[in-house]
Amino acid sequence: MAKSLNYDFDKVHLKRGVYIPQAHAVFNIEQDIIRRSLVEVFLGKKTIPINIVNQVDNGKTTQLRCPDKKDI
């Protein structure tokens, strides 16, 4: 196709990824953000926020609680 449109691209130039669709670029950026964030969590530099809400069990509302250290 490049030859028929008079573009001067060689195979090496094309294989090095001169062009990638925007969706692929966004996917790669998001994947990198997720990877970096997980590394920070595993290293203890970042925490994962957790929100505990009421749970309905058989029409009865109960309050969820975090166990005390002695319960663990």
N, C-alpha and C. Protein backbone atom coordinates (compact mmCIF):
# COMPACT_ATOMS: atom_id res chain seq x y z
N MET A 1 0.83 -1.17 0.00
CA MET A 1 0.00 0.00 0.00
C MET A 1 0.89 1.25 0.00
N ALA A 2 1.97 1.23 0.78
CA ALA A 2 2.86 2.39 0.83
C ALA A 2 3.45 2.69 -0.54
N LYS A 3 3.82 1.64 -1.28
CA LYS A 3 4.40 1.85 -2.61
C LYS A 3 3.38 2.48 -3.56
N SER A 4 2.14 2.00 -3.50
CA SER A 4 1.13 2.53 -4.41
C SER A 4 0.78 3.99 -4.10
N LEU A 5 1.00 4.41 -2.84
CA LEU A 5 0.74 5.80 -2.46
C LEU A 5 2.01 6.65 -2.46
N ASN A 6 3.11 6.05 -2.94
CA ASN A 6 4.41 6.72 -3.04
C ASN A 6 4.99 7.16 -1.70
N TYR A 7 4.77 6.35 -0.67
CA TYR A 7 5.42 6.58 0.62
C TYR A 7 6.71 5.79 0.64
N ASP A 8 7.74 6.36 1.22
CA ASP A 8 9.04 5.71 1.26
C ASP A 8 9.30 5.15 2.66
N PHE A 9 8.63 4.06 3.00
CA PHE A 9 8.85 3.38 4.28
C PHE A 9 9.54 2.06 4.01
N ASP A 10 10.57 1.76 4.79
CA ASP A 10 11.16 0.43 4.69
C ASP A 10 10.55 -0.45 5.79
N LYS A 11 10.76 -1.75 5.71
CA LYS A 11 10.16 -2.69 6.64
C LYS A 11 10.60 -2.42 8.08
N VAL A 12 11.86 -2.08 8.29
CA VAL A 12 12.37 -1.81 9.64
C VAL A 12 11.65 -0.61 10.25
N HIS A 13 11.46 0.42 9.46
CA HIS A 13 10.77 1.62 9.92
C HIS A 13 9.33 1.29 10.36
N LEU A 14 8.66 0.45 9.60
CA LEU A 14 7.28 0.08 9.93
C LEU A 14 7.21 -0.84 11.14
N LYS A 15 8.16 -1.75 11.27
CA LYS A 15 8.14 -2.71 12.38
C LYS A 15 8.48 -2.08 13.73
N ARG A 16 9.11 -0.94 13.73
CA ARG A 16 9.48 -0.30 15.01
C ARG A 16 8.31 0.43 15.64
N GLY A 17 7.17 0.34 15.08
CA GLY A 17 5.97 0.92 15.69
C GLY A 17 5.85 2.41 15.52
N VAL A 18 6.00 2.87 14.31
CA VAL A 18 5.87 4.29 14.03
C VAL A 18 4.47 4.75 14.41
N TYR A 19 3.49 3.91 14.19
CA TYR A 19 2.10 4.27 14.46
C TYR A 19 1.46 3.18 15.30
N ILE A 20 0.76 3.59 16.36
CA ILE A 20 -0.11 2.66 17.07
C ILE A 20 -1.45 3.38 17.27
N PRO A 21 -2.54 2.67 17.18
CA PRO A 21 -3.85 3.30 17.37
C PRO A 21 -3.95 3.95 18.75
N GLN A 22 -4.72 5.02 18.85
CA GLN A 22 -4.86 5.75 20.11
C GLN A 22 -5.38 4.84 21.22
N ALA A 23 -6.29 3.95 20.90
CA ALA A 23 -6.84 3.04 21.93
C ALA A 23 -5.74 2.16 22.52
N HIS A 24 -4.79 1.73 21.69
CA HIS A 24 -3.68 0.93 22.19
C HIS A 24 -2.79 1.76 23.09
N ALA A 25 -2.56 3.02 22.73
CA ALA A 25 -1.72 3.90 23.54
C ALA A 25 -2.37 4.14 24.91
N VAL A 26 -3.68 4.40 24.90
CA VAL A 26 -4.41 4.62 26.16
C VAL A 26 -4.36 3.37 27.01
N PHE A 27 -4.55 2.20 26.40
CA PHE A 27 -4.49 0.94 27.13
C PHE A 27 -3.12 0.76 27.79
N ASN A 28 -2.06 1.06 27.05
CA ASN A 28 -0.71 0.92 27.60
C ASN A 28 -0.47 1.88 28.76
N ILE A 29 -0.97 3.10 28.64
CA ILE A 29 -0.81 4.09 29.72
C ILE A 29 -1.57 3.64 30.96
N GLU A 30 -2.82 3.19 30.78
CA GLU A 30 -3.62 2.72 31.91
C GLU A 30 -2.98 1.51 32.57
N GLN A 31 -2.48 0.60 31.77
CA GLN A 31 -1.82 -0.60 32.31
C GLN A 31 -0.58 -0.20 33.13
N ASP A 32 0.15 0.78 32.66
CA ASP A 32 1.33 1.25 33.38
C ASP A 32 0.93 1.90 34.71
N ILE A 33 -0.15 2.68 34.71
CA ILE A 33 -0.63 3.30 35.96
C ILE A 33 -1.02 2.23 36.97
N ILE A 34 -1.75 1.22 36.52
CA ILE A 34 -2.17 0.13 37.40
C ILE A 34 -0.96 -0.61 37.95
N ARG A 35 0.00 -0.91 37.09
CA ARG A 35 1.20 -1.63 37.52
C ARG A 35 1.97 -0.83 38.56
N ARG A 36 2.15 0.45 38.31
CA ARG A 36 2.90 1.30 39.25
C ARG A 36 2.18 1.41 40.58
N SER A 37 0.85 1.54 40.54
CA SER A 37 0.07 1.64 41.78
C SER A 37 0.16 0.36 42.59
N LEU A 38 0.07 -0.78 41.92
CA LEU A 38 0.19 -2.05 42.63
C LEU A 38 1.56 -2.23 43.25
N VAL A 39 2.60 -1.80 42.56
CA VAL A 39 3.95 -1.87 43.13
C VAL A 39 4.02 -1.04 44.40
N GLU A 40 3.42 0.16 44.38
CA GLU A 40 3.42 1.01 45.58
C GLU A 40 2.65 0.36 46.72
N VAL A 41 1.54 -0.33 46.42
CA VAL A 41 0.78 -1.04 47.45
C VAL A 41 1.63 -2.16 48.03
N PHE A 42 2.26 -2.95 47.18
CA PHE A 42 3.08 -4.06 47.66
C PHE A 42 4.29 -3.61 48.45
N LEU A 43 4.81 -2.43 48.14
CA LEU A 43 5.95 -1.89 48.88
C LEU A 43 5.52 -1.17 50.15
N GLY A 44 4.22 -1.04 50.38
CA GLY A 44 3.71 -0.38 51.58
C GLY A 44 3.71 1.13 51.48
N LYS A 45 3.90 1.69 50.30
CA LYS A 45 3.90 3.13 50.12
C LYS A 45 2.50 3.69 49.91
N LYS A 46 1.57 2.84 49.53
CA LYS A 46 0.20 3.25 49.23
C LYS A 46 -0.75 2.23 49.83
N THR A 47 -1.94 2.66 50.19
CA THR A 47 -2.96 1.73 50.71
C THR A 47 -4.14 1.69 49.76
N ILE A 48 -4.93 0.65 49.89
CA ILE A 48 -6.15 0.52 49.11
C ILE A 48 -7.31 0.95 50.01
N PRO A 49 -8.02 2.02 49.64
CA PRO A 49 -9.12 2.47 50.49
C PRO A 49 -10.27 1.47 50.47
N ILE A 50 -10.84 1.24 51.64
CA ILE A 50 -11.96 0.30 51.79
C ILE A 50 -13.08 1.03 52.50
N ASN A 51 -14.28 0.94 51.97
CA ASN A 51 -15.45 1.56 52.56
C ASN A 51 -16.41 0.47 52.99
N ILE A 52 -16.71 0.40 54.28
CA ILE A 52 -17.62 -0.61 54.80
C ILE A 52 -19.00 0.03 54.93
N VAL A 53 -20.00 -0.63 54.36
CA VAL A 53 -21.37 -0.10 54.37
C VAL A 53 -22.30 -1.12 55.02
N ASN A 54 -23.52 -0.68 55.27
CA ASN A 54 -24.52 -1.58 55.85
C ASN A 54 -24.87 -2.68 54.86
N GLN A 55 -25.14 -3.84 55.39
CA GLN A 55 -25.51 -4.99 54.56
C GLN A 55 -26.90 -5.44 54.96
N VAL A 56 -27.76 -5.68 53.98
CA VAL A 56 -29.11 -6.16 54.25
C VAL A 56 -29.10 -7.68 54.18
N ASP A 57 -29.55 -8.31 55.27
CA ASP A 57 -29.56 -9.77 55.36
C ASP A 57 -30.97 -10.21 55.75
N ASN A 58 -31.71 -10.78 54.81
CA ASN A 58 -33.09 -11.24 55.03
C ASN A 58 -33.99 -10.10 55.55
N GLY A 59 -33.87 -8.94 54.97
CA GLY A 59 -34.70 -7.82 55.37
C GLY A 59 -34.21 -7.11 56.62
N LYS A 60 -33.19 -7.65 57.26
CA LYS A 60 -32.67 -7.07 58.50
C LYS A 60 -31.36 -6.35 58.18
N THR A 61 -31.25 -5.10 58.56
CA THR A 61 -30.04 -4.33 58.30
C THR A 61 -29.06 -4.54 59.45
N THR A 62 -27.85 -4.89 59.09
CA THR A 62 -26.82 -5.08 60.11
C THR A 62 -25.64 -4.18 59.80
N GLN A 63 -24.93 -3.82 60.82
CA GLN A 63 -23.74 -2.98 60.65
C GLN A 63 -22.51 -3.89 60.60
N LEU A 64 -21.74 -3.75 59.53
CA LEU A 64 -20.51 -4.50 59.43
C LEU A 64 -19.45 -3.80 60.26
N ARG A 65 -18.54 -4.55 60.85
CA ARG A 65 -17.47 -3.93 61.63
C ARG A 65 -16.17 -4.62 61.36
N CYS A 66 -15.12 -3.89 61.58
CA CYS A 66 -13.79 -4.47 61.47
C CYS A 66 -13.49 -5.24 62.75
N PRO A 67 -12.91 -6.42 62.65
CA PRO A 67 -12.62 -7.17 63.88
C PRO A 67 -11.52 -6.47 64.68
N ASP A 68 -11.61 -6.61 66.01
CA ASP A 68 -10.54 -6.12 66.86
C ASP A 68 -9.31 -6.98 66.65
N LYS A 69 -8.17 -6.46 67.02
CA LYS A 69 -6.93 -7.23 66.85
C LYS A 69 -7.00 -8.55 67.62
N LYS A 70 -7.67 -8.56 68.76
CA LYS A 70 -7.76 -9.79 69.55
C LYS A 70 -8.66 -10.84 68.87
N ASP A 71 -9.56 -10.38 67.96
CA ASP A 71 -10.43 -11.30 67.23
C ASP A 71 -9.71 -12.01 66.09
N ILE A 72 -8.60 -11.47 65.67
CA ILE A 72 -7.90 -12.02 64.51
C ILE A 72 -7.08 -13.23 64.90
